[in-house]
Structure formats: C-alpha cells, structure tokens
Amino acid sequence: MRLILAACAVFAASCFSGHGASPTARPEPEGTNDEPGAVLEAFSAALEGGRFEAAYALLSARWRARETPARLAEDYRSSGSVGPDALHRVRALLAAGERPRRTGSDQAVLVIGAEDAARLVREGKVWRVDALE
C-alpha cells in the first residue's frame, strides 16, 4: 500500500481501516468558501494550530469514515517532522499564490512535490480535503 505523505501522521489516515465517525456525518466547514484553495488553507492552518476538530470538519466523508478528531491529533503528533513539513510546503505554495487545479467539476489537486499532491473533492456545495499523498 502506498505510503501517504506524512506517513504516520495526519495524511496516513487514508491507509487506516475504519475506526472513525459515520461517513454520513457532514460537519460544515467553518470560515471557508467554495474555493478548494481556501479549504486546503483552513485545513492546514487548523492542523498546524492544533485545532483538530476544525481540521476534521474539512475532511472528505471517505476520510472522516476512517478518522476521529482524536485519531487525527494522535497521527499528527506522532508524525515527527513529516506532518509539519508537509503542512509547511502546502502553506508555502498557497501563500505564493498557487491554487489547487481543478481536474473535474468535483475534484482538484495541488502538486506539493515530485510525487506528492493534495487532493480535494466537492461534496455537495463544499470542498473537502480527500488526501495528501
């Protein structure tokens, strides 16, 4: 199985089996708009600031089905420098004006490294972080 960026961290969540909240729970993102870059910025800022409930609310239903806010915090804290480094790269790209490129009406991607990318999906009317790999 491909190792998710921030392997033992926040982004490894897509590799874990489901021990999270119901995928039908759809918390609405706070302080974001209908732009994938704004959601990715809010997500990375929330993680960096230790606001794991806020970060969790910005995850896709697929990812929330495998995570809980507590598990997200545990993964991030146990990631060593990998998780914070990945977040720093995402935030630096966004600060430099880079934006996720829409790859379809309901998908967007921000390339953050040679083989690494942040992937977002539109669920209903809002964008959600689906993976950082």
Foldseek 3Di string as FASTA:
>chain_A
DDQAFLRLALQVLLVAPFDADQLVDQQAAPPAAAFQLRLLLQLLVCVVVVVLVNNLNQAHSSSRRRDYSVSNNVSHVPSPCRNVVQSVLSNVCVVVPDGWDAPDPFKTWDDRDPPWIWIWGDDPRHIGTYHTD
